[in-house]
Amino acid sequence: MLALAAWRASRCPHCGRDIAECTDPGSEGKYTAGLPHRCHATTALLIAQDQHQETPQAGALMWHVEKR
């Protein structure tokens, strides 16, 4: 468990890579981003949430997303 905690502490909270590498000034300009991917499960979740935003205490609703 200590090893896992140490590994997690060494990760960047944004990209998940080694924080020493991705924040190194020498790494500037060495990364490129590809095209985005869509999470279809999150898309379905957001559509359902939008349809219920007028429900009282909508933030308390719990959602389950499943693949048909």
PDB file of N, CA and C in Angstrom:
ATOM      1  N   MET A   1       0.823  -1.191   0.000  1.00  0.00           N
ATOM      2  CA  MET A   1       0.000   0.000   0.000  1.00  0.00           C
ATOM      3  C   MET A   1       0.864   1.251   0.000  1.00  0.00           C
ATOM      4  N   LEU A   2       1.999   1.189   0.702  1.00  0.00           N
ATOM      5  CA  LEU A   2       2.891   2.351   0.730  1.00  0.00           C
ATOM      6  C   LEU A   2       3.470   2.619  -0.652  1.00  0.00           C
ATOM      7  N   ALA A   3       3.800   1.556  -1.374  1.00  0.00           N
ATOM      8  CA  ALA A   3       4.332   1.722  -2.729  1.00  0.00           C
ATOM      9  C   ALA A   3       3.280   2.339  -3.644  1.00  0.00           C
ATOM     10  N   LEU A   4       2.048   1.905  -3.523  1.00  0.00           N
ATOM     11  CA  LEU A   4       0.966   2.474  -4.334  1.00  0.00           C
ATOM     12  C   LEU A   4       0.760   3.940  -3.999  1.00  0.00           C
ATOM     13  N   ALA A   5       0.784   4.291  -2.734  1.00  0.00           N
ATOM     14  CA  ALA A   5       0.625   5.684  -2.322  1.00  0.00           C
ATOM     15  C   ALA A   5       1.768   6.540  -2.866  1.00  0.00           C
ATOM     16  N   ALA A   6       2.983   6.019  -2.823  1.00  0.00           N
ATOM     17  CA  ALA A   6       4.129   6.762  -3.351  1.00  0.00           C
ATOM     18  C   ALA A   6       4.011   6.940  -4.861  1.00  0.00           C
ATOM     19  N   TRP A   7       3.569   5.892  -5.558  1.00  0.00           N
ATOM     20  CA  TRP A   7       3.403   5.996  -7.011  1.00  0.00           C
ATOM     21  C   TRP A   7       2.330   7.034  -7.356  1.00  0.00           C
ATOM     22  N   ARG A   8       1.193   6.978  -6.670  1.00  0.00           N
ATOM     23  CA  ARG A   8       0.119   7.942  -6.933  1.00  0.00           C
ATOM     24  C   ARG A   8       0.573   9.369  -6.666  1.00  0.00           C
ATOM     25  N   ALA A   9       1.394   9.557  -5.640  1.00  0.00           N
ATOM     26  CA  ALA A   9       1.887  10.897  -5.316  1.00  0.00           C
ATOM     27  C   ALA A   9       2.834  11.415  -6.393  1.00  0.00           C
ATOM     28  N   SER A  10       3.424  10.513  -7.176  1.00  0.00           N
ATOM     29  CA  SER A  10       4.364  10.927  -8.217  1.00  0.00           C
ATOM     30  C   SER A  10       3.681  11.214  -9.549  1.00  0.00           C
ATOM     31  N   ARG A  11       2.362  11.063  -9.608  1.00  0.00           N
ATOM     32  CA  ARG A  11       1.610  11.255 -10.847  1.00  0.00           C
ATOM     33  C   ARG A  11       1.078  12.679 -10.943  1.00  0.00           C
ATOM     34  N   CYS A  12       1.026  13.208 -12.155  1.00  0.00           N
ATOM     35  CA  CYS A  12       0.434  14.524 -12.408  1.00  0.00           C
ATOM     36  C   CYS A  12      -1.090  14.396 -12.298  1.00  0.00           C
ATOM     37  N   PRO A  13      -1.748  15.310 -11.572  1.00  0.00           N
ATOM     38  CA  PRO A  13      -3.204  15.214 -11.441  1.00  0.00           C
ATOM     39  C   PRO A  13      -3.946  15.533 -12.738  1.00  0.00           C
ATOM     40  N   HIS A  14      -3.250  16.095 -13.708  1.00  0.00           N
ATOM     41  CA  HIS A  14      -3.905  16.442 -14.978  1.00  0.00           C
ATOM     42  C   HIS A  14      -3.745  15.344 -16.028  1.00  0.00           C
ATOM     43  N   CYS A  15      -2.499  14.920 -16.275  1.00  0.00           N
ATOM     44  CA  CYS A  15      -2.271  13.967 -17.359  1.00  0.00           C
ATOM     45  C   CYS A  15      -2.000  12.549 -16.879  1.00  0.00           C
ATOM     46  N   GLY A  16      -1.679  12.364 -15.594  1.00  0.00           N
ATOM     47  CA  GLY A  16      -1.424  11.041 -15.054  1.00  0.00           C
ATOM     48  C   GLY A  16      -0.005  10.530 -15.276  1.00  0.00           C
ATOM     49  N   ARG A  17       0.826  11.322 -15.958  1.00  0.00           N
ATOM     50  CA  ARG A  17       2.213  10.914 -16.178  1.00  0.00           C
ATOM     51  C   ARG A  17       3.065  11.254 -14.964  1.00  0.00           C
ATOM     52  N   ASP A  18       4.330  10.829 -15.019  1.00  0.00           N
ATOM     53  CA  ASP A  18       5.290  11.154 -13.968  1.00  0.00           C
ATOM     54  C   ASP A  18       5.400  12.669 -13.876  1.00  0.00           C
ATOM     55  N   ILE A  19       5.101  13.222 -12.712  1.00  0.00           N
ATOM     56  CA  ILE A  19       5.056  14.670 -12.556  1.00  0.00           C
ATOM     57  C   ILE A  19       6.420  15.326 -12.776  1.00  0.00           C
ATOM     58  N   ALA A  20       7.501  14.607 -12.437  1.00  0.00           N
ATOM     59  CA  ALA A  20       8.841  15.162 -12.651  1.00  0.00           C
ATOM     60  C   ALA A  20       9.127  15.325 -14.146  1.00  0.00           C
ATOM     61  N   GLU A  21       8.584  14.426 -14.973  1.00  0.00           N
ATOM     62  CA  GLU A  21       8.803  14.495 -16.414  1.00  0.00           C
ATOM     63  C   GLU A  21       7.917  15.554 -17.077  1.00  0.00           C
ATOM     64  N   CYS A  22       6.628  15.537 -16.775  1.00  0.00           N
ATOM     65  CA  CYS A  22       5.716  16.432 -17.502  1.00  0.00           C
ATOM     66  C   CYS A  22       5.816  17.881 -17.042  1.00  0.00           C
ATOM     67  N   THR A  23       6.412  18.129 -15.873  1.00  0.00           N
ATOM     68  CA  THR A  23       6.590  19.517 -15.430  1.00  0.00           C
ATOM     69  C   THR A  23       8.018  20.009 -15.627  1.00  0.00           C
ATOM     70  N   ASP A  24       8.902  19.155 -16.145  1.00  0.00           N
ATOM     71  CA  ASP A  24      10.280  19.534 -16.415  1.00  0.00           C
ATOM     72  C   ASP A  24      10.312  20.599 -17.512  1.00  0.00           C
ATOM     73  N   PRO A  25      10.958  21.743 -17.284  1.00  0.00           N
ATOM     74  CA  PRO A  25      11.036  22.767 -18.328  1.00  0.00           C
ATOM     75  C   PRO A  25      11.622  22.228 -19.635  1.00  0.00           C
ATOM     76  N   GLY A  26      12.460  21.205 -19.565  1.00  0.00           N
ATOM     77  CA  GLY A  26      13.016  20.603 -20.777  1.00  0.00           C
ATOM     78  C   GLY A  26      11.994  19.846 -21.595  1.00  0.00           C
ATOM     79  N   SER A  27      10.832  19.561 -21.016  1.00  0.00           N
ATOM     80  CA  SER A  27       9.773  18.854 -21.735  1.00  0.00           C
ATOM     81  C   SER A  27       8.867  19.797 -22.520  1.00  0.00           C
ATOM     82  N   GLU A  28       9.048  21.099 -22.331  1.00  0.00           N
ATOM     83  CA  GLU A  28       8.182  22.062 -23.019  1.00  0.00           C
ATOM     84  C   GLU A  28       8.287  21.889 -24.528  1.00  0.00           C
ATOM     85  N   GLY A  29       7.129  21.795 -25.171  1.00  0.00           N
ATOM     86  CA  GLY A  29       7.068  21.648 -26.621  1.00  0.00           C
ATOM     87  C   GLY A  29       7.294  20.229 -27.112  1.00  0.00           C
ATOM     88  N   LYS A  30       7.493  19.282 -26.218  1.00  0.00           N
ATOM     89  CA  LYS A  30       7.770  17.901 -26.624  1.00  0.00           C
ATOM     90  C   LYS A  30       6.535  17.012 -26.614  1.00  0.00           C
ATOM     91  N   TYR A  31       5.410  17.540 -26.205  1.00  0.00           N
ATOM     92  CA  TYR A  31       4.166  16.773 -26.201  1.00  0.00           C
ATOM     93  C   TYR A  31       3.232  17.322 -27.271  1.00  0.00           C
ATOM     94  N   THR A  32       2.497  16.435 -27.884  1.00  0.00           N
ATOM     95  CA  THR A  32       1.441  16.837 -28.810  1.00  0.00           C
ATOM     96  C   THR A  32       0.163  16.115 -28.402  1.00  0.00           C
ATOM     97  N   ALA A  33      -0.947  16.721 -28.699  1.00  0.00           N
ATOM     98  CA  ALA A  33      -2.244  16.114 -28.384  1.00  0.00           C
ATOM     99  C   ALA A  33      -2.895  15.642 -29.669  1.00  0.00           C
ATOM    100  N   GLY A  34      -3.405  14.435 -29.634  1.00  0.00           N
ATOM    101  CA  GLY A  34      -4.114  13.898 -30.786  1.00  0.00           C
ATOM    102  C   GLY A  34      -5.565  14.368 -30.789  1.00  0.00           C
ATOM    103  N   LEU A  35      -6.341  13.793 -31.651  1.00  0.00           N
ATOM    104  CA  LEU A  35      -7.756  14.125 -31.717  1.00  0.00           C
ATOM    105  C   LEU A  35      -8.460  13.599 -30.471  1.00  0.00           C
ATOM    106  N   PRO A  36      -9.517  14.276 -30.049  1.00  0.00           N
ATOM    107  CA  PRO A  36     -10.235  13.806 -28.863  1.00  0.00           C
ATOM    108  C   PRO A  36     -11.048  12.547 -29.180  1.00  0.00           C
ATOM    109  N   HIS A  37     -11.338  11.818 -28.135  1.00  0.00           N
ATOM    110  CA  HIS A  37     -12.226  10.655 -28.221  1.00  0.00           C
ATOM    111  C   HIS A  37     -13.467  10.995 -27.410  1.00  0.00           C
ATOM    112  N   ARG A  38     -14.590  10.506 -27.838  1.00  0.00           N
ATOM    113  CA  ARG A  38     -15.831  10.746 -27.098  1.00  0.00           C
ATOM    114  C   ARG A  38     -16.165   9.540 -26.247  1.00  0.00           C
ATOM    115  N   CYS A  39     -16.471   9.795 -24.997  1.00  0.00           N
ATOM    116  CA  CYS A  39     -16.975   8.746 -24.119  1.00  0.00           C
ATOM    117  C   CYS A  39     -18.495   8.717 -24.305  1.00  0.00           C
ATOM    118  N   HIS A  40     -18.993   7.686 -24.932  1.00  0.00           N
ATOM    119  CA  HIS A  40     -20.427   7.611 -25.230  1.00  0.00           C
ATOM    120  C   HIS A  40     -21.259   7.368 -23.974  1.00  0.00           C
ATOM    121  N   ALA A  41     -20.658   6.748 -22.964  1.00  0.00           N
ATOM    122  CA  ALA A  41     -21.366   6.564 -21.694  1.00  0.00           C
ATOM    123  C   ALA A  41     -21.578   7.916 -21.017  1.00  0.00           C
ATOM    124  N   THR A  42     -20.552   8.766 -21.015  1.00  0.00           N
ATOM    125  CA  THR A  42     -20.684  10.090 -20.412  1.00  0.00           C
ATOM    126  C   THR A  42     -21.658  10.941 -21.212  1.00  0.00           C
ATOM    127  N   THR A  43     -21.662  10.804 -22.541  1.00  0.00           N
ATOM    128  CA  THR A  43     -22.618  11.532 -23.378  1.00  0.00           C
ATOM    129  C   THR A  43     -24.047  11.178 -22.976  1.00  0.00           C
ATOM    130  N   ALA A  44     -24.332   9.890 -22.828  1.00  0.00           N
ATOM    131  CA  ALA A  44     -25.673   9.455 -22.418  1.00  0.00           C
ATOM    132  C   ALA A  44     -26.018   9.999 -21.039  1.00  0.00           C
ATOM    133  N   LEU A  45     -25.044   9.981 -20.134  1.00  0.00           N
ATOM    134  CA  LEU A  45     -25.269  10.493 -18.785  1.00  0.00           C
ATOM    135  C   LEU A  45     -25.594  11.978 -18.806  1.00  0.00           C
ATOM    136  N   LEU A  46     -24.835  12.759 -19.546  1.00  0.00           N
ATOM    137  CA  LEU A  46     -25.069  14.204 -19.597  1.00  0.00           C
ATOM    138  C   LEU A  46     -26.409  14.552 -20.245  1.00  0.00           C
ATOM    139  N   ILE A  47     -26.802  13.786 -21.254  1.00  0.00           N
ATOM    140  CA  ILE A  47     -28.114  14.010 -21.883  1.00  0.00           C
ATOM    141  C   ILE A  47     -29.226  13.745 -20.869  1.00  0.00           C
ATOM    142  N   ALA A  48     -29.120  12.640 -20.135  1.00  0.00           N
ATOM    143  CA  ALA A  48     -30.132  12.315 -19.124  1.00  0.00           C
ATOM    144  C   ALA A  48     -30.170  13.385 -18.041  1.00  0.00           C
ATOM    145  N   GLN A  49     -29.003  13.855 -17.590  1.00  0.00           N
ATOM    146  CA  GLN A  49     -28.962  14.883 -16.553  1.00  0.00           C
ATOM    147  C   GLN A  49     -29.583  16.186 -17.046  1.00  0.00           C
ATOM    148  N   ASP A  50     -29.321  16.546 -18.305  1.00  0.00           N
ATOM    149  CA  ASP A  50     -29.914  17.765 -18.868  1.00  0.00           C
ATOM    150  C   ASP A  50     -31.437  17.691 -18.867  1.00  0.00           C
ATOM    151  N   GLN A  51     -31.978  16.503 -19.123  1.00  0.00           N
ATOM    152  CA  GLN A  51     -33.425  16.329 -19.185  1.00  0.00           C
ATOM    153  C   GLN A  51     -34.076  16.393 -17.809  1.00  0.00           C
ATOM    154  N   HIS A  52     -33.290  16.295 -16.754  1.00  0.00           N
ATOM    155  CA  HIS A  52     -33.837  16.302 -15.396  1.00  0.00           C
ATOM    156  C   HIS A  52     -33.322  17.462 -14.550  1.00  0.00           C
ATOM    157  N   GLN A  53     -32.741  18.469 -15.182  1.00  0.00           N
ATOM    158  CA  GLN A  53     -32.140  19.558 -14.404  1.00  0.00           C
ATOM    159  C   GLN A  53     -33.163  20.403 -13.657  1.00  0.00           C
ATOM    160  N   GLU A  54     -34.417  20.353 -14.056  1.00  0.00           N
ATOM    161  CA  GLU A  54     -35.465  21.109 -13.359  1.00  0.00           C
ATOM    162  C   GLU A  54     -36.056  20.327 -12.178  1.00  0.00           C
ATOM    163  N   THR A  55     -35.647  19.071 -12.029  1.00  0.00           N
ATOM    164  CA  THR A  55     -36.108  18.252 -10.912  1.00  0.00           C
ATOM    165  C   THR A  55     -35.593  18.848  -9.607  1.00  0.00           C
ATOM    166  N   PRO A  56     -36.413  18.944  -8.585  1.00  0.00           N
ATOM    167  CA  PRO A  56     -35.901  19.448  -7.304  1.00  0.00           C
ATOM    168  C   PRO A  56     -34.714  18.625  -6.816  1.00  0.00           C
ATOM    169  N   GLN A  57     -33.695  19.314  -6.361  1.00  0.00           N
ATOM    170  CA  GLN A  57     -32.455  18.691  -5.880  1.00  0.00           C
ATOM    171  C   GLN A  57     -31.871  17.719  -6.919  1.00  0.00           C
ATOM    172  N   ALA A  58     -31.789  18.165  -8.163  1.00  0.00           N
ATOM    173  CA  ALA A  58     -31.300  17.318  -9.255  1.00  0.00           C
ATOM    174  C   ALA A  58     -29.895  16.789  -8.984  1.00  0.00           C
ATOM    175  N   GLY A  59     -29.106  17.522  -8.224  1.00  0.00           N
ATOM    176  CA  GLY A  59     -27.762  17.065  -7.902  1.00  0.00           C
ATOM    177  C   GLY A  59     -27.734  15.831  -7.024  1.00  0.00           C
ATOM    178  N   ALA A  60     -28.849  15.504  -6.401  1.00  0.00           N
ATOM    179  CA  ALA A  60     -28.917  14.329  -5.535  1.00  0.00           C
ATOM    180  C   ALA A  60     -29.317  13.068  -6.299  1.00  0.00           C
ATOM    181  N   LEU A  61     -29.671  13.213  -7.563  1.00  0.00           N
ATOM    182  CA  LEU A  61     -30.053  12.039  -8.352  1.00  0.00           C
ATOM    183  C   LEU A  61     -28.814  11.188  -8.636  1.00  0.00           C
ATOM    184  N   MET A  62     -28.968   9.883  -8.548  1.00  0.00           N
ATOM    185  CA  MET A  62     -27.884   8.964  -8.858  1.00  0.00           C
ATOM    186  C   MET A  62     -28.213   8.273 -10.175  1.00  0.00           C
ATOM    187  N   TRP A  63     -27.223   8.121 -11.007  1.00  0.00           N
ATOM    188  CA  TRP A  63     -27.434   7.621 -12.346  1.00  0.00           C
ATOM    189  C   TRP A  63     -26.682   6.327 -12.579  1.00  0.00           C
ATOM    190  N   HIS A  64     -27.245   5.474 -13.425  1.00  0.00           N
ATOM    191  CA  HIS A  64     -26.608   4.235 -13.842  1.00  0.00           C
ATOM    192  C   HIS A  64     -26.603   4.239 -15.366  1.00  0.00           C
ATOM    193  N   VAL A  65     -25.450   4.058 -15.945  1.00  0.00           N
ATOM    194  CA  VAL A  65     -25.335   4.009 -17.401  1.00  0.00           C
ATOM    195  C   VAL A  65     -24.930   2.590 -17.790  1.00  0.00           C
ATOM    196  N   GLU A  66     -25.638   2.035 -18.746  1.00  0.00           N
ATOM    197  CA  GLU A  66     -25.289   0.695 -19.209  1.00  0.00           C
ATOM    198  C   GLU A  66     -25.336   0.654 -20.730  1.00  0.00           C
ATOM    199  N   LYS A  67     -24.593  -0.263 -21.274  1.00  0.00           N
ATOM    200  CA  LYS A  67     -24.549  -0.428 -22.725  1.00  0.00           C
ATOM    201  C   LYS A  67     -25.685  -1.356 -23.150  1.00  0.00           C
ATOM    202  N   ARG A  68     -26.407  -0.954 -24.177  1.00  0.00           N
ATOM    203  CA  ARG A  68     -27.510  -1.789 -24.689  1.00  0.00           C
ATOM    204  C   ARG A  68     -26.980  -2.951 -25.479  1.00  0.00           C
TER     205      ARG A  68
END
